[in-house]
Amino acid sequence: MPNQCPSCRSHRTHSINLARKAGGSIGTLAGAASGYMGASTGARLGATAGIIAGPAGTLSGAVIGGIVGGIAGCTVGISLGEIVDEKILDNYECINCGHIFSLDKEAEQ
């Protein structure tokens, strides 16, 4: 059943998802930077020890680490943002009247 606006009782509502969007963006950047740095450091140590030969291995490992870290960070950021959207923020907006509301807060009243 669609969400109903508590002000005008319209079913024409949509979710804003501000924290989910912000969490995904921040998590992607943080995860990519962390993954890149970790993989880059590991690749340099491996090259020094003679396990990985050449700068190509170092660069590709760092890029792959950045991608994997970005995906992991994005997933965590979106999950945390979803919790913030649903439990803390007023996450729904009525298309008819523009009223912004939360389902949890309206259910308590």
N, C-alpha and C. Protein backbone atom coordinates (compact mmCIF):
# COMPACT_ATOMS: atom_id res chain seq x y z
N MET A 1 0.85 -1.17 0.00
CA MET A 1 0.00 0.00 0.00
C MET A 1 0.90 1.24 0.00
N PRO A 2 0.60 2.20 -0.85
CA PRO A 2 1.41 3.42 -0.88
C PRO A 2 1.27 4.21 0.42
N ASN A 3 2.27 5.00 0.72
CA ASN A 3 2.22 5.84 1.91
C ASN A 3 1.19 6.95 1.71
N GLN A 4 0.50 7.29 2.78
CA GLN A 4 -0.53 8.32 2.72
C GLN A 4 -0.05 9.56 3.44
N CYS A 5 -0.23 10.72 2.81
CA CYS A 5 0.15 11.99 3.40
C CYS A 5 -0.76 12.27 4.60
N PRO A 6 -0.16 12.57 5.77
CA PRO A 6 -1.00 12.86 6.93
C PRO A 6 -1.71 14.21 6.85
N SER A 7 -1.28 15.07 5.92
CA SER A 7 -1.88 16.39 5.81
C SER A 7 -3.10 16.39 4.89
N CYS A 8 -2.92 15.88 3.66
CA CYS A 8 -4.03 15.93 2.69
C CYS A 8 -4.60 14.55 2.35
N ARG A 9 -4.03 13.50 2.92
CA ARG A 9 -4.48 12.11 2.73
C ARG A 9 -4.25 11.58 1.31
N SER A 10 -3.41 12.24 0.54
CA SER A 10 -3.09 11.78 -0.81
C SER A 10 -2.14 10.58 -0.73
N HIS A 11 -2.25 9.69 -1.70
CA HIS A 11 -1.34 8.55 -1.81
C HIS A 11 -0.20 8.86 -2.78
N ARG A 12 -0.17 10.06 -3.32
CA ARG A 12 0.88 10.47 -4.26
C ARG A 12 2.07 11.01 -3.48
N THR A 13 2.89 10.10 -2.95
CA THR A 13 4.06 10.46 -2.17
C THR A 13 5.29 9.79 -2.75
N HIS A 14 6.45 10.31 -2.39
CA HIS A 14 7.70 9.67 -2.79
C HIS A 14 8.72 9.84 -1.67
N SER A 15 9.71 8.96 -1.66
CA SER A 15 10.75 9.05 -0.63
C SER A 15 11.88 9.96 -1.11
N ILE A 16 12.45 10.71 -0.18
CA ILE A 16 13.50 11.68 -0.49
C ILE A 16 14.87 11.01 -0.49
N ASN A 17 15.13 10.14 0.49
CA ASN A 17 16.38 9.37 0.61
C ASN A 17 17.64 10.22 0.63
N LEU A 18 17.62 11.32 1.34
CA LEU A 18 18.77 12.22 1.41
C LEU A 18 19.98 11.55 2.07
N ALA A 19 19.78 10.91 3.21
CA ALA A 19 20.90 10.27 3.92
C ALA A 19 21.44 9.08 3.13
N ARG A 20 20.58 8.36 2.45
CA ARG A 20 21.03 7.21 1.64
C ARG A 20 21.93 7.69 0.51
N LYS A 21 21.56 8.77 -0.14
CA LYS A 21 22.38 9.31 -1.23
C LYS A 21 23.71 9.83 -0.71
N ALA A 22 23.67 10.58 0.39
CA ALA A 22 24.89 11.12 0.97
C ALA A 22 25.79 10.00 1.49
N GLY A 23 25.21 9.03 2.16
CA GLY A 23 25.98 7.91 2.69
C GLY A 23 26.64 7.11 1.59
N GLY A 24 25.94 6.90 0.49
CA GLY A 24 26.52 6.18 -0.64
C GLY A 24 27.69 6.92 -1.24
N SER A 25 27.54 8.22 -1.40
CA SER A 25 28.62 9.03 -1.98
C SER A 25 29.84 9.08 -1.07
N ILE A 26 29.62 9.37 0.20
CA ILE A 26 30.73 9.45 1.14
C ILE A 26 31.39 8.09 1.31
N GLY A 27 30.59 7.04 1.42
CA GLY A 27 31.14 5.69 1.57
C GLY A 27 31.95 5.26 0.36
N THR A 28 31.50 5.63 -0.82
CA THR A 28 32.24 5.29 -2.03
C THR A 28 33.60 5.96 -2.04
N LEU A 29 33.63 7.25 -1.75
CA LEU A 29 34.90 7.98 -1.73
C LEU A 29 35.84 7.44 -0.65
N ALA A 30 35.33 7.24 0.54
CA ALA A 30 36.17 6.75 1.63
C ALA A 30 36.66 5.33 1.36
N GLY A 31 35.78 4.48 0.87
CA GLY A 31 36.16 3.11 0.57
C GLY A 31 37.16 3.01 -0.56
N ALA A 32 36.96 3.83 -1.59
CA ALA A 32 37.90 3.82 -2.72
C ALA A 32 39.28 4.30 -2.29
N ALA A 33 39.33 5.36 -1.50
CA ALA A 33 40.62 5.86 -1.03
C ALA A 33 41.31 4.84 -0.14
N SER A 34 40.55 4.26 0.76
CA SER A 34 41.12 3.26 1.66
C SER A 34 41.58 2.02 0.91
N GLY A 35 40.76 1.55 -0.01
CA GLY A 35 41.12 0.38 -0.81
C GLY A 35 42.34 0.63 -1.68
N TYR A 36 42.40 1.81 -2.27
CA TYR A 36 43.54 2.17 -3.11
C TYR A 36 44.83 2.21 -2.29
N MET A 37 44.77 2.85 -1.14
CA MET A 37 45.96 2.98 -0.31
C MET A 37 46.41 1.63 0.22
N GLY A 38 45.47 0.83 0.66
CA GLY A 38 45.82 -0.50 1.18
C GLY A 38 46.41 -1.39 0.11
N ALA A 39 45.79 -1.41 -1.05
CA ALA A 39 46.29 -2.25 -2.14
C ALA A 39 47.61 -1.72 -2.67
N SER A 40 47.74 -0.42 -2.73
CA SER A 40 48.99 0.18 -3.20
C SER A 40 50.15 -0.16 -2.27
N THR A 41 49.90 -0.07 -0.98
CA THR A 41 50.93 -0.41 0.00
C THR A 41 51.30 -1.89 -0.09
N GLY A 42 50.28 -2.73 -0.18
CA GLY A 42 50.53 -4.17 -0.29
C GLY A 42 51.28 -4.53 -1.56
N ALA A 43 50.92 -3.87 -2.66
CA ALA A 43 51.59 -4.15 -3.93
C ALA A 43 53.05 -3.70 -3.89
N ARG A 44 53.31 -2.57 -3.25
CA ARG A 44 54.70 -2.09 -3.13
C ARG A 44 55.52 -3.05 -2.27
N LEU A 45 54.94 -3.52 -1.19
CA LEU A 45 55.66 -4.47 -0.34
C LEU A 45 55.92 -5.77 -1.09
N GLY A 46 54.94 -6.22 -1.85
CA GLY A 46 55.12 -7.44 -2.65
C GLY A 46 56.19 -7.27 -3.71
N ALA A 47 56.21 -6.12 -4.35
CA ALA A 47 57.23 -5.86 -5.37
C ALA A 47 58.61 -5.81 -4.73
N THR A 48 58.70 -5.24 -3.56
CA THR A 48 59.98 -5.18 -2.86
C THR A 48 60.45 -6.58 -2.48
N ALA A 49 59.55 -7.41 -2.07
CA ALA A 49 59.91 -8.77 -1.68
C ALA A 49 60.14 -9.67 -2.88
N GLY A 50 59.83 -9.20 -4.09
CA GLY A 50 60.04 -9.99 -5.30
C GLY A 50 58.87 -10.86 -5.69
N ILE A 51 57.73 -10.72 -4.99
CA ILE A 51 56.56 -11.54 -5.32
C ILE A 51 55.83 -10.98 -6.53
N ILE A 52 55.65 -9.67 -6.59
CA ILE A 52 55.00 -9.02 -7.72
C ILE A 52 56.08 -8.23 -8.45
N ALA A 53 56.22 -8.44 -9.73
CA ALA A 53 57.29 -7.79 -10.49
C ALA A 53 56.77 -6.58 -11.24
N GLY A 54 57.46 -5.48 -11.09
CA GLY A 54 57.21 -4.32 -11.93
C GLY A 54 56.15 -3.38 -11.43
N PRO A 55 56.14 -2.15 -11.98
CA PRO A 55 55.17 -1.14 -11.58
C PRO A 55 53.76 -1.42 -12.10
N ALA A 56 53.64 -2.23 -13.15
CA ALA A 56 52.30 -2.55 -13.68
C ALA A 56 51.49 -3.31 -12.64
N GLY A 57 52.13 -4.23 -11.93
CA GLY A 57 51.44 -4.97 -10.88
C GLY A 57 51.02 -4.07 -9.74
N THR A 58 51.86 -3.11 -9.41
CA THR A 58 51.55 -2.17 -8.34
C THR A 58 50.34 -1.31 -8.70
N LEU A 59 50.34 -0.79 -9.93
CA LEU A 59 49.25 0.09 -10.37
C LEU A 59 47.94 -0.67 -10.49
N SER A 60 47.96 -1.84 -11.11
CA SER A 60 46.71 -2.59 -11.28
C SER A 60 46.16 -3.04 -9.94
N GLY A 61 47.04 -3.43 -9.01
CA GLY A 61 46.57 -3.82 -7.68
C GLY A 61 45.93 -2.66 -6.95
N ALA A 62 46.51 -1.48 -7.10
CA ALA A 62 45.95 -0.30 -6.44
C ALA A 62 44.60 0.08 -7.04
N VAL A 63 44.47 -0.02 -8.35
CA VAL A 63 43.20 0.30 -9.02
C VAL A 63 42.11 -0.68 -8.61
N ILE A 64 42.45 -1.96 -8.62
CA ILE A 64 41.47 -2.98 -8.22
C ILE A 64 41.08 -2.79 -6.75
N GLY A 65 42.07 -2.48 -5.90
CA GLY A 65 41.78 -2.22 -4.50
C GLY A 65 40.86 -1.03 -4.33
N GLY A 66 41.06 0.01 -5.13
CA GLY A 66 40.20 1.18 -5.08
C GLY A 66 38.77 0.87 -5.49
N ILE A 67 38.63 0.05 -6.53
CA ILE A 67 37.28 -0.33 -7.00
C ILE A 67 36.56 -1.16 -5.95
N VAL A 68 37.25 -2.18 -5.44
CA VAL A 68 36.63 -3.05 -4.43
C VAL A 68 36.31 -2.26 -3.17
N GLY A 69 37.23 -1.39 -2.74
CA GLY A 69 36.98 -0.56 -1.57
C GLY A 69 35.82 0.39 -1.78
N GLY A 70 35.72 0.95 -2.98
CA GLY A 70 34.61 1.85 -3.30
C GLY A 70 33.27 1.15 -3.25
N ILE A 71 33.21 -0.06 -3.77
CA ILE A 71 31.96 -0.83 -3.74
C ILE A 71 31.57 -1.16 -2.30
N ALA A 72 32.55 -1.60 -1.52
CA ALA A 72 32.26 -1.93 -0.12
C ALA A 72 31.83 -0.69 0.66
N GLY A 73 32.52 0.42 0.45
CA GLY A 73 32.17 1.66 1.15
C GLY A 73 30.80 2.16 0.76
N CYS A 74 30.46 2.05 -0.51
CA CYS A 74 29.15 2.48 -0.99
C CYS A 74 28.05 1.65 -0.36
N THR A 75 28.26 0.34 -0.29
CA THR A 75 27.26 -0.55 0.30
C THR A 75 27.01 -0.22 1.77
N VAL A 76 28.08 -0.02 2.50
CA VAL A 76 27.94 0.33 3.92
C VAL A 76 27.29 1.70 4.08
N GLY A 77 27.71 2.67 3.26
CA GLY A 77 27.13 4.01 3.34
C GLY A 77 25.64 4.04 3.04
N ILE A 78 25.23 3.29 2.05
CA ILE A 78 23.81 3.22 1.70
C ILE A 78 23.01 2.56 2.83
N SER A 79 23.57 1.50 3.40
CA SER A 79 22.86 0.82 4.50
C SER A 79 22.68 1.74 5.71
N LEU A 80 23.74 2.45 6.07
CA LEU A 80 23.62 3.39 7.19
C LEU A 80 22.68 4.55 6.85
N GLY A 81 22.77 5.05 5.63
CA GLY A 81 21.88 6.12 5.20
C GLY A 81 20.42 5.72 5.23
N GLU A 82 20.16 4.48 4.87
CA GLU A 82 18.78 3.99 4.89
C GLU A 82 18.21 3.99 6.31
N ILE A 83 19.04 3.60 7.27
CA ILE A 83 18.59 3.61 8.67
C ILE A 83 18.31 5.04 9.12
N VAL A 84 19.19 5.97 8.77
CA VAL A 84 18.99 7.37 9.14
C VAL A 84 17.72 7.91 8.49
N ASP A 85 17.51 7.60 7.21
CA ASP A 85 16.31 8.07 6.51
C ASP A 85 15.04 7.56 7.17
N GLU A 86 15.01 6.29 7.52
CA GLU A 86 13.79 5.69 8.04
C GLU A 86 13.54 6.00 9.52
N LYS A 87 14.60 6.16 10.30
CA LYS A 87 14.42 6.31 11.75
C LYS A 87 14.57 7.73 12.26
N ILE A 88 15.29 8.59 11.53
CA ILE A 88 15.58 9.93 12.07
C ILE A 88 14.95 11.03 11.23
N LEU A 89 15.17 10.99 9.93
CA LEU A 89 14.72 12.09 9.05
C LEU A 89 13.28 11.92 8.60
N ASP A 90 12.67 13.04 8.25
CA ASP A 90 11.37 13.00 7.57
C ASP A 90 11.69 12.66 6.11
N ASN A 91 11.40 11.43 5.71
CA ASN A 91 11.90 10.91 4.44
C ASN A 91 10.87 10.90 3.32
N TYR A 92 9.66 11.28 3.58
CA TYR A 92 8.63 11.22 2.54
C TYR A 92 8.07 12.60 2.25
N GLU A 93 7.73 12.81 0.99
CA GLU A 93 7.16 14.10 0.57
C GLU A 93 5.91 13.84 -0.25
N CYS A 94 4.87 14.60 0.05
CA CYS A 94 3.63 14.51 -0.71
C CYS A 94 3.77 15.30 -2.00
N ILE A 95 3.42 14.69 -3.11
CA ILE A 95 3.51 15.36 -4.40
C ILE A 95 2.40 16.40 -4.54
N ASN A 96 1.25 16.15 -3.92
CA ASN A 96 0.13 17.07 -4.03
C ASN A 96 0.32 18.37 -3.24
N CYS A 97 0.64 18.24 -1.95
CA CYS A 97 0.68 19.44 -1.10
C CYS A 97 2.09 19.83 -0.66
N GLY A 98 3.09 18.99 -0.89
CA GLY A 98 4.46 19.32 -0.53
C GLY A 98 4.81 19.05 0.92
N HIS A 99 3.90 18.45 1.68
CA HIS A 99 4.15 18.15 3.09
C HIS A 99 5.25 17.08 3.19
N ILE A 100 6.22 17.29 4.10
CA ILE A 100 7.30 16.33 4.32
C ILE A 100 7.03 15.65 5.65
N PHE A 101 7.09 14.32 5.66
CA PHE A 101 6.71 13.58 6.85
C PHE A 101 7.51 12.28 6.97
N SER A 102 7.39 11.67 8.15
CA SER A 102 8.02 10.39 8.42
C SER A 102 6.95 9.39 8.81
N LEU A 103 7.10 8.16 8.39
CA LEU A 103 6.10 7.16 8.73
C LEU A 103 6.14 6.80 10.21
N ASP A 104 7.34 6.69 10.80
CA ASP A 104 7.45 6.34 12.20
C ASP A 104 6.83 7.39 13.10
N LYS A 105 7.12 8.66 12.82
CA LYS A 105 6.58 9.74 13.65
C LYS A 105 5.07 9.84 13.53
N GLU A 106 4.54 9.64 12.33
CA GLU A 106 3.10 9.72 12.13
C GLU A 106 2.39 8.55 12.77
N ALA A 107 3.04 7.38 12.82
CA ALA A 107 2.42 6.21 13.44
C ALA A 107 2.31 6.35 14.95
N GLU A 108 3.25 7.11 15.55
CA GLU A 108 3.23 7.30 17.00
C GLU A 108 2.11 8.22 17.45
N GLN A 109 1.63 9.11 16.58
CA GLN A 109 0.61 10.08 16.98
C GLN A 109 -0.77 9.49 16.99
